[in-house]
C-alpha atoms as a PDB file:
ATOM      1  CA  MET A   1       0.000   0.000   0.000  1.00  0.00           C
ATOM      2  CA  ARG A   2       1.338   3.416  -1.020  1.00  0.00           C
ATOM      3  CA  VAL A   3       0.464   5.906   1.707  1.00  0.00           C
ATOM      4  CA  ALA A   4       1.048   9.671   1.647  1.00  0.00           C
ATOM      5  CA  LEU A   5       1.042  12.114   4.546  1.00  0.00           C
ATOM      6  CA  GLN A   6      -0.937  15.310   4.016  1.00  0.00           C
ATOM      7  CA  VAL A   7       0.616  17.281   6.854  1.00  0.00           C
ATOM      8  CA  THR A   8      -1.671  20.390   6.573  1.00  0.00           C
ATOM      9  CA  CYS A   9      -0.674  24.050   6.558  1.00  0.00           C
ATOM     10  CA  VAL A  10      -1.126  24.619  10.287  1.00  0.00           C
ATOM     11  CA  ASN A  11       1.016  21.631  11.218  1.00  0.00           C
ATOM     12  CA  ASP A  12       3.696  22.442   8.656  1.00  0.00           C
ATOM     13  CA  ALA A  13       3.983  26.038   9.826  1.00  0.00           C
ATOM     14  CA  MET A  14       3.340  25.780  13.560  1.00  0.00           C
ATOM     15  CA  PHE A  15       3.177  22.185  14.803  1.00  0.00           C
ATOM     16  CA  PRO A  16       5.761  20.133  12.873  1.00  0.00           C
ATOM     17  CA  ASP A  17       6.031  17.599  15.711  1.00  0.00           C
ATOM     18  CA  THR A  18       2.546  16.366  14.835  1.00  0.00           C
ATOM     19  CA  GLY A  19       3.574  15.445  11.302  1.00  0.00           C
ATOM     20  CA  LYS A  20       6.688  13.735  12.631  1.00  0.00           C
ATOM     21  CA  ALA A  21       4.554  11.810  15.124  1.00  0.00           C
ATOM     22  CA  VAL A  22       2.289  10.537  12.328  1.00  0.00           C
ATOM     23  CA  VAL A  23       5.310   9.249  10.413  1.00  0.00           C
ATOM     24  CA  ARG A  24       6.794   7.547  13.497  1.00  0.00           C
ATOM     25  CA  LEU A  25       3.459   5.964  14.353  1.00  0.00           C
ATOM     26  CA  LEU A  26       2.714   4.651  10.866  1.00  0.00           C
ATOM     27  CA  ARG A  27       6.222   3.311  10.377  1.00  0.00           C
ATOM     28  CA  ARG A  28       6.005   1.530  13.728  1.00  0.00           C
ATOM     29  CA  LEU A  29       2.872  -0.140  12.394  1.00  0.00           C
ATOM     30  CA  GLY A  30       4.681  -1.244   9.254  1.00  0.00           C
ATOM     31  CA  VAL A  31       3.306   1.404   6.907  1.00  0.00           C
ATOM     32  CA  ASP A  32       5.691   2.890   4.348  1.00  0.00           C
ATOM     33  CA  VAL A  33       4.582   6.516   4.324  1.00  0.00           C
ATOM     34  CA  ASP A  34       5.720   9.198   1.858  1.00  0.00           C
ATOM     35  CA  PHE A  35       5.678  12.962   2.134  1.00  0.00           C
ATOM     36  CA  PRO A  36       4.936  14.472  -1.304  1.00  0.00           C
ATOM     37  CA  ALA A  37       6.901  17.700  -1.333  1.00  0.00           C
ATOM     38  CA  ALA A  38       4.579  19.278  -3.909  1.00  0.00           C
ATOM     39  CA  GLN A  39       1.656  19.434  -1.464  1.00  0.00           C
ATOM     40  CA  THR A  40       0.292  22.794  -0.391  1.00  0.00           C
ATOM     41  CA  CYS A  41      -3.032  23.874   1.167  1.00  0.00           C
ATOM     42  CA  CYS A  42      -6.167  21.717   0.844  1.00  0.00           C
ATOM     43  CA  GLY A  43      -8.110  24.845  -0.130  1.00  0.00           C
ATOM     44  CA  GLN A  44     -10.491  24.882   2.818  1.00  0.00           C
ATOM     45  CA  PRO A  45      -9.887  28.537   3.854  1.00  0.00           C
ATOM     46  CA  MET A  46     -10.831  29.737   0.375  1.00  0.00           C
ATOM     47  CA  VAL A  47     -13.921  27.535   0.134  1.00  0.00           C
ATOM     48  CA  ASN A  48     -15.166  28.442   3.617  1.00  0.00           C
ATOM     49  CA  THR A  49     -14.824  32.132   2.800  1.00  0.00           C
ATOM     50  CA  GLY A  50     -16.637  31.834  -0.523  1.00  0.00           C
ATOM     51  CA  TYR A  51     -13.642  32.008  -2.874  1.00  0.00           C
ATOM     52  CA  LEU A  52     -14.422  28.829  -4.809  1.00  0.00           C
ATOM     53  CA  ASP A  53     -12.852  30.001  -8.069  1.00  0.00           C
ATOM     54  CA  GLU A  54      -9.625  30.851  -6.260  1.00  0.00           C
ATOM     55  CA  ALA A  55      -9.643  27.352  -4.754  1.00  0.00           C
ATOM     56  CA  VAL A  56      -9.512  25.658  -8.181  1.00  0.00           C
ATOM     57  CA  PRO A  57      -5.706  25.849  -8.662  1.00  0.00           C
ATOM     58  CA  VAL A  58      -5.214  24.751  -5.050  1.00  0.00           C
ATOM     59  CA  VAL A  59      -7.360  21.651  -5.550  1.00  0.00           C
ATOM     60  CA  ARG A  60      -5.567  20.994  -8.840  1.00  0.00           C
ATOM     61  CA  THR A  61      -2.229  21.051  -6.991  1.00  0.00           C
ATOM     62  CA  PHE A  62      -3.627  18.680  -4.357  1.00  0.00           C
ATOM     63  CA  VAL A  63      -4.725  16.006  -6.826  1.00  0.00           C
ATOM     64  CA  ARG A  64      -1.435  16.206  -8.700  1.00  0.00           C
ATOM     65  CA  ALA A  65       0.612  15.925  -5.503  1.00  0.00           C
ATOM     66  CA  PHE A  66      -1.307  12.890  -4.229  1.00  0.00           C
ATOM     67  CA  GLU A  67      -1.986  11.150  -7.527  1.00  0.00           C
ATOM     68  CA  GLY A  68      -1.399   7.389  -7.452  1.00  0.00           C
ATOM     69  CA  TYR A  69      -1.419   6.860  -3.693  1.00  0.00           C
ATOM     70  CA  ASP A  70      -3.648   4.178  -2.216  1.00  0.00           C
ATOM     71  CA  ALA A  71      -4.329   6.297   0.858  1.00  0.00           C
ATOM     72  CA  ILE A  72      -3.796   9.917   1.885  1.00  0.00           C
ATOM     73  CA  VAL A  73      -3.564  10.278   5.666  1.00  0.00           C
ATOM     74  CA  THR A  74      -3.923  13.604   7.431  1.00  0.00           C
ATOM     75  CA  PRO A  75      -3.835  14.515  11.142  1.00  0.00           C
ATOM     76  CA  SER A  76      -6.830  16.815  10.696  1.00  0.00           C
ATOM     77  CA  GLY A  77     -10.524  16.103  10.451  1.00  0.00           C
ATOM     78  CA  SER A  78     -10.931  19.586   9.041  1.00  0.00           C
ATOM     79  CA  CYS A  79      -8.592  19.087   6.084  1.00  0.00           C
ATOM     80  CA  ALA A  80      -9.758  15.523   5.474  1.00  0.00           C
ATOM     81  CA  GLY A  81     -13.305  16.857   5.361  1.00  0.00           C
ATOM     82  CA  SER A  82     -12.278  19.460   2.816  1.00  0.00           C
ATOM     83  CA  ALA A  83     -10.685  16.867   0.527  1.00  0.00           C
ATOM     84  CA  ARG A  84     -13.582  14.452   0.843  1.00  0.00           C
ATOM     85  CA  HIS A  85     -16.507  16.863   0.590  1.00  0.00           C
ATOM     86  CA  GLN A  86     -15.412  20.276  -0.699  1.00  0.00           C
ATOM     87  CA  HIS A  87     -13.031  19.319  -3.500  1.00  0.00           C
ATOM     88  CA  SER A  88     -15.825  17.889  -5.636  1.00  0.00           C
ATOM     89  CA  ILE A  89     -17.759  21.167  -5.334  1.00  0.00           C
ATOM     90  CA  VAL A  90     -14.709  23.139  -6.470  1.00  0.00           C
ATOM     91  CA  ALA A  91     -13.928  20.719  -9.295  1.00  0.00           C
ATOM     92  CA  GLU A  92     -17.477  20.788 -10.667  1.00  0.00           C
ATOM     93  CA  ARG A  93     -17.498  24.579 -10.526  1.00  0.00           C
ATOM     94  CA  SER A  94     -14.265  24.676 -12.554  1.00  0.00           C
ATOM     95  CA  GLY A  95     -15.941  23.018 -15.544  1.00  0.00           C
ATOM     96  CA  ASP A  96     -12.861  20.831 -16.052  1.00  0.00           C
ATOM     97  CA  PRO A  97     -13.856  17.151 -16.494  1.00  0.00           C
ATOM     98  CA  ALA A  98     -10.260  16.061 -15.872  1.00  0.00           C
ATOM     99  CA  LEU A  99     -10.238  17.777 -12.475  1.00  0.00           C
ATOM    100  CA  VAL A 100     -13.623  16.256 -11.597  1.00  0.00           C
ATOM    101  CA  ALA A 101     -12.232  12.805 -12.448  1.00  0.00           C
ATOM    102  CA  ALA A 102      -9.019  13.390 -10.484  1.00  0.00           C
ATOM    103  CA  VAL A 103     -10.934  14.496  -7.386  1.00  0.00           C
ATOM    104  CA  ALA A 104     -13.125  11.395  -7.673  1.00  0.00           C
ATOM    105  CA  GLU A 105      -9.901   9.397  -7.237  1.00  0.00           C
ATOM    106  CA  THR A 106      -8.293  11.312  -4.355  1.00  0.00           C
ATOM    107  CA  ALA A 107     -11.366  12.232  -2.287  1.00  0.00           C
ATOM    108  CA  PRO A 108     -12.403   8.729  -1.151  1.00  0.00           C
ATOM    109  CA  ARG A 109      -8.781   7.811  -0.475  1.00  0.00           C
ATOM    110  CA  THR A 110      -8.271  10.661   2.001  1.00  0.00           C
ATOM    111  CA  PHE A 111      -8.508   9.632   5.652  1.00  0.00           C
ATOM    112  CA  GLU A 112      -8.276  11.413   8.974  1.00  0.00           C
ATOM    113  CA  LEU A 113      -5.637   9.630  11.085  1.00  0.00           C
ATOM    114  CA  SER A 114      -7.984   7.740  13.427  1.00  0.00           C
ATOM    115  CA  GLU A 115     -10.097   6.585  10.471  1.00  0.00           C
ATOM    116  CA  PHE A 116      -7.035   5.191   8.753  1.00  0.00           C
ATOM    117  CA  LEU A 117      -5.816   3.370  11.845  1.00  0.00           C
ATOM    118  CA  VAL A 118      -9.162   1.826  12.825  1.00  0.00           C
ATOM    119  CA  ASP A 119     -10.878   1.316   9.467  1.00  0.00           C
ATOM    120  CA  VAL A 120      -8.011   0.698   7.043  1.00  0.00           C
ATOM    121  CA  LEU A 121      -5.300  -0.872   9.205  1.00  0.00           C
ATOM    122  CA  GLY A 122      -7.846  -2.456  11.555  1.00  0.00           C
ATOM    123  CA  VAL A 123      -5.943  -1.613  14.742  1.00  0.00           C
ATOM    124  CA  THR A 124      -6.860   0.111  17.995  1.00  0.00           C
ATOM    125  CA  ASP A 125      -3.819  -0.889  20.074  1.00  0.00           C
ATOM    126  CA  VAL A 126      -0.900   0.881  18.432  1.00  0.00           C
ATOM    127  CA  GLY A 127       1.599   0.078  21.173  1.00  0.00           C
ATOM    128  CA  ALA A 128       1.449   3.502  22.821  1.00  0.00           C
ATOM    129  CA  TYR A 129       2.301   4.397  26.411  1.00  0.00           C
ATOM    130  CA  PHE A 130       1.222   7.682  28.010  1.00  0.00           C
ATOM    131  CA  PRO A 131       0.853   7.678  31.819  1.00  0.00           C
ATOM    132  CA  HIS A 132      -1.230  10.821  32.254  1.00  0.00           C
ATOM    133  CA  ARG A 133      -4.800  11.945  32.965  1.00  0.00           C
ATOM    134  CA  VAL A 134      -6.247  12.923  29.584  1.00  0.00           C
ATOM    135  CA  THR A 135      -9.526  14.280  28.226  1.00  0.00           C
ATOM    136  CA  TYR A 136     -10.561  14.261  24.566  1.00  0.00           C
ATOM    137  CA  HIS A 137     -12.245  17.048  22.569  1.00  0.00           C
ATOM    138  CA  PRO A 138     -14.013  15.847  19.379  1.00  0.00           C
ATOM    139  CA  THR A 139     -13.529  18.550  16.758  1.00  0.00           C
ATOM    140  CA  CYS A 140     -16.514  19.705  14.707  1.00  0.00           C
ATOM    141  CA  HIS A 141     -15.414  18.625  11.229  1.00  0.00           C
ATOM    142  CA  SER A 142     -14.302  15.194  12.411  1.00  0.00           C
ATOM    143  CA  LEU A 143     -17.525  14.711  14.328  1.00  0.00           C
ATOM    144  CA  ARG A 144     -20.060  16.209  11.935  1.00  0.00           C
ATOM    145  CA  MET A 145     -18.540  16.215   8.454  1.00  0.00           C
ATOM    146  CA  LEU A 146     -16.533  12.977   8.565  1.00  0.00           C
ATOM    147  CA  GLY A 147     -18.491  11.019  11.147  1.00  0.00           C
ATOM    148  CA  VAL A 148     -15.317   9.846  12.881  1.00  0.00           C
ATOM    149  CA  GLY A 149     -17.390   8.914  15.913  1.00  0.00           C
ATOM    150  CA  ASP A 150     -15.581   7.145  18.740  1.00  0.00           C
ATOM    151  CA  ARG A 151     -12.546   5.994  16.750  1.00  0.00           C
ATOM    152  CA  PRO A 152     -10.183   8.364  18.600  1.00  0.00           C
ATOM    153  CA  GLN A 153     -11.507   7.121  21.944  1.00  0.00           C
ATOM    154  CA  GLN A 154     -11.064   3.506  20.838  1.00  0.00           C
ATOM    155  CA  LEU A 155      -7.404   4.270  20.174  1.00  0.00           C
ATOM    156  CA  LEU A 156      -6.898   6.235  23.387  1.00  0.00           C
ATOM    157  CA  GLU A 157      -8.510   3.537  25.530  1.00  0.00           C
ATOM    158  CA  GLN A 158      -5.806   1.097  24.411  1.00  0.00           C
ATOM    159  CA  VAL A 159      -2.912   3.386  25.381  1.00  0.00           C
ATOM    160  CA  ARG A 160      -1.047   1.868  28.317  1.00  0.00           C
ATOM    161  CA  GLY A 161      -0.931   3.979  31.475  1.00  0.00           C
ATOM    162  CA  ILE A 162      -3.489   6.536  30.301  1.00  0.00           C
ATOM    163  CA  ARG A 163      -6.321   7.760  32.513  1.00  0.00           C
ATOM    164  CA  LEU A 164      -8.988   8.860  30.057  1.00  0.00           C
ATOM    165  CA  VAL A 165     -11.761  11.048  31.491  1.00  0.00           C
ATOM    166  CA  ASP A 166     -14.897  12.323  29.767  1.00  0.00           C
ATOM    167  CA  LEU A 167     -15.088  15.981  28.782  1.00  0.00           C
ATOM    168  CA  PRO A 168     -18.378  17.673  29.803  1.00  0.00           C
ATOM    169  CA  MET A 169     -20.324  19.113  26.852  1.00  0.00           C
ATOM    170  CA  ALA A 170     -17.726  17.487  24.623  1.00  0.00           C
ATOM    171  CA  THR A 171     -19.585  17.922  21.345  1.00  0.00           C
ATOM    172  CA  GLU A 172     -19.917  21.695  21.687  1.00  0.00           C
ATOM    173  CA  CYS A 173     -17.722  23.685  19.294  1.00  0.00           C
ATOM    174  CA  CYS A 174     -14.601  25.244  20.799  1.00  0.00           C
ATOM    175  CA  GLY A 175     -15.238  28.473  18.880  1.00  0.00           C
ATOM    176  CA  PHE A 176     -12.257  28.419  16.529  1.00  0.00           C
ATOM    177  CA  GLY A 177     -13.805  27.630  13.151  1.00  0.00           C
ATOM    178  CA  GLY A 178     -10.954  29.053  11.071  1.00  0.00           C
ATOM    179  CA  THR A 179     -12.044  32.422   9.701  1.00  0.00           C
ATOM    180  CA  PHE A 180     -14.993  32.379  12.132  1.00  0.00           C
ATOM    181  CA  ALA A 181     -12.559  33.265  14.932  1.00  0.00           C
ATOM    182  CA  LEU A 182     -11.462  36.341  12.981  1.00  0.00           C
ATOM    183  CA  LYS A 183     -14.869  37.505  11.801  1.00  0.00           C
ATOM    184  CA  ASN A 184     -16.674  36.793  15.068  1.00  0.00           C
ATOM    185  CA  ALA A 185     -13.921  37.227  17.633  1.00  0.00           C
ATOM    186  CA  ASP A 186     -16.100  37.971  20.662  1.00  0.00           C
ATOM    187  CA  THR A 187     -18.309  34.932  20.071  1.00  0.00           C
ATOM    188  CA  SER A 188     -15.259  32.786  19.398  1.00  0.00           C
ATOM    189  CA  VAL A 189     -13.631  33.835  22.675  1.00  0.00           C
ATOM    190  CA  ALA A 190     -16.842  33.191  24.629  1.00  0.00           C
ATOM    191  CA  MET A 191     -17.124  29.684  23.173  1.00  0.00           C
ATOM    192  CA  GLY A 192     -13.454  28.991  23.825  1.00  0.00           C
ATOM    193  CA  THR A 193     -13.814  30.159  27.411  1.00  0.00           C
ATOM    194  CA  ASP A 194     -16.670  27.707  27.961  1.00  0.00           C
ATOM    195  CA  LYS A 195     -14.633  24.881  26.474  1.00  0.00           C
ATOM    196  CA  ALA A 196     -11.600  25.713  28.628  1.00  0.00           C
ATOM    197  CA  ARG A 197     -13.798  25.694  31.734  1.00  0.00           C
ATOM    198  CA  HIS A 198     -15.089  22.224  30.874  1.00  0.00           C
ATOM    199  CA  VAL A 199     -11.526  21.005  30.377  1.00  0.00           C
ATOM    200  CA  LEU A 200     -10.541  22.284  33.808  1.00  0.00           C
ATOM    201  CA  ASP A 201     -13.561  20.571  35.343  1.00  0.00           C
ATOM    202  CA  THR A 202     -12.092  17.182  34.337  1.00  0.00           C
ATOM    203  CA  GLY A 203      -8.860  17.655  36.287  1.00  0.00           C
ATOM    204  CA  ALA A 204      -6.977  16.457  33.198  1.00  0.00           C
ATOM    205  CA  GLU A 205      -3.273  17.070  32.747  1.00  0.00           C
ATOM    206  CA  VAL A 206      -3.596  16.924  28.968  1.00  0.00           C
ATOM    207  CA  LEU A 207      -6.277  17.894  26.457  1.00  0.00           C
ATOM    208  CA  VAL A 208      -6.113  15.865  23.250  1.00  0.00           C
ATOM    209  CA  ALA A 209      -7.848  16.412  19.907  1.00  0.00           C
ATOM    210  CA  GLY A 210      -7.407  15.510  16.261  1.00  0.00           C
ATOM    211  CA  ASP A 211      -6.994  19.075  14.981  1.00  0.00           C
ATOM    212  CA  ASN A 212      -4.219  21.406  16.091  1.00  0.00           C
ATOM    213  CA  SER A 213      -6.192  24.473  15.023  1.00  0.00           C
ATOM    214  CA  CYS A 214      -8.782  23.742  17.730  1.00  0.00           C
ATOM    215  CA  LEU A 215      -6.068  22.874  20.239  1.00  0.00           C
ATOM    216  CA  MET A 216      -4.337  26.166  19.467  1.00  0.00           C
ATOM    217  CA  HIS A 217      -7.554  28.034  20.270  1.00  0.00           C
ATOM    218  CA  ILE A 218      -8.393  26.155  23.474  1.00  0.00           C
ATOM    219  CA  GLY A 219      -4.733  26.045  24.483  1.00  0.00           C
ATOM    220  CA  GLY A 220      -4.560  29.819  24.206  1.00  0.00           C
ATOM    221  CA  MET A 221      -7.454  30.120  26.626  1.00  0.00           C
ATOM    222  CA  LEU A 222      -5.870  27.693  29.069  1.00  0.00           C
ATOM    223  CA  SER A 223      -2.470  29.384  28.799  1.00  0.00           C
ATOM    224  CA  ARG A 224      -3.914  32.810  29.580  1.00  0.00           C
ATOM    225  CA  GLN A 225      -5.465  31.329  32.704  1.00  0.00           C
ATOM    226  CA  ARG A 226      -2.130  29.727  33.658  1.00  0.00           C
ATOM    227  CA  ALA A 227      -4.114  26.513  34.006  1.00  0.00           C
ATOM    228  CA  GLY A 228      -1.151  24.155  33.684  1.00  0.00           C
ATOM    229  CA  VAL A 229      -3.011  21.920  31.204  1.00  0.00           C
ATOM    230  CA  ARG A 230      -1.064  20.807  28.142  1.00  0.00           C
ATOM    231  CA  VAL A 231      -2.667  20.358  24.738  1.00  0.00           C
ATOM    232  CA  MET A 232      -1.472  17.537  22.479  1.00  0.00           C
ATOM    233  CA  HIS A 233      -2.519  16.147  19.146  1.00  0.00           C
ATOM    234  CA  LEU A 234      -3.837  12.590  19.074  1.00  0.00           C
ATOM    235  CA  ALA A 235      -0.916  11.538  16.878  1.00  0.00           C
ATOM    236  CA  GLU A 236       1.630  12.617  19.476  1.00  0.00           C
ATOM    237  CA  ILE A 237       0.022  10.526  22.208  1.00  0.00           C
ATOM    238  CA  LEU A 238      -0.341   7.499  19.943  1.00  0.00           C
ATOM    239  CA  ALA A 239       3.301   7.814  18.871  1.00  0.00           C
ATOM    240  CA  SER A 240       4.510   7.912  22.497  1.00  0.00           C
ATOM    241  CA  THR A 241       6.179   4.815  23.972  1.00  0.00           C
ATOM    242  CA  GLU A 242       7.982   3.840  27.159  1.00  0.00           C
ATOM    243  CA  ASP A 243      11.163   5.218  25.600  1.00  0.00           C
ATOM    244  CA  ASP A 244       9.621   8.687  25.664  1.00  0.00           C
ATOM    245  CA  ALA A 245       8.529   8.509  29.317  1.00  0.00           C
END
């Protein structure tokens, strides 16, 4: 199986350890993963803001970069959702049958990390060790657009040493929402404050999620409160072993 990592813009620019963790994890599971250097943005910011025509060359670059791979794995429900559901809208709007056909190939082969592990590889125990009290935030796109469901929890429950606690009001949005946080800053902050309060109510040492953009937002709230709660991407916990303890 030829597998490619779609690292995402946010991870590439701000959270490179997440991409490295995905590679370590997949290689530990026997997956030969490539990093296509031609990859750029998935196009989601343009689509979400209404710039569908401007997203056409971005989607064209995506399908060219990931052409021929059996699976495209990304540590982001948000970007996976864009590739699976938004790319076809952009391609059809372009009027280019070749782009429509190319998207029809890449879209169903794009997986959020937990989907790939549970559904494609068929594993929940990835050999991880993380002896900390942890709570999980299900991000909106993974929950509502992709239907990831409890796959992340299935993986976390098998991590040795972990103490996984439920997050109150877990399915409520954290308030980030990409450009939503810029256009509706006051609402975004209010939602993030609620989410941070729920995290603190769990007594968790670590907040985990599948999207670093959401973790950046909630983590900012927690940091300003000097809460002492770390935020970590799911991939980083799953890649952890006794050697890292």
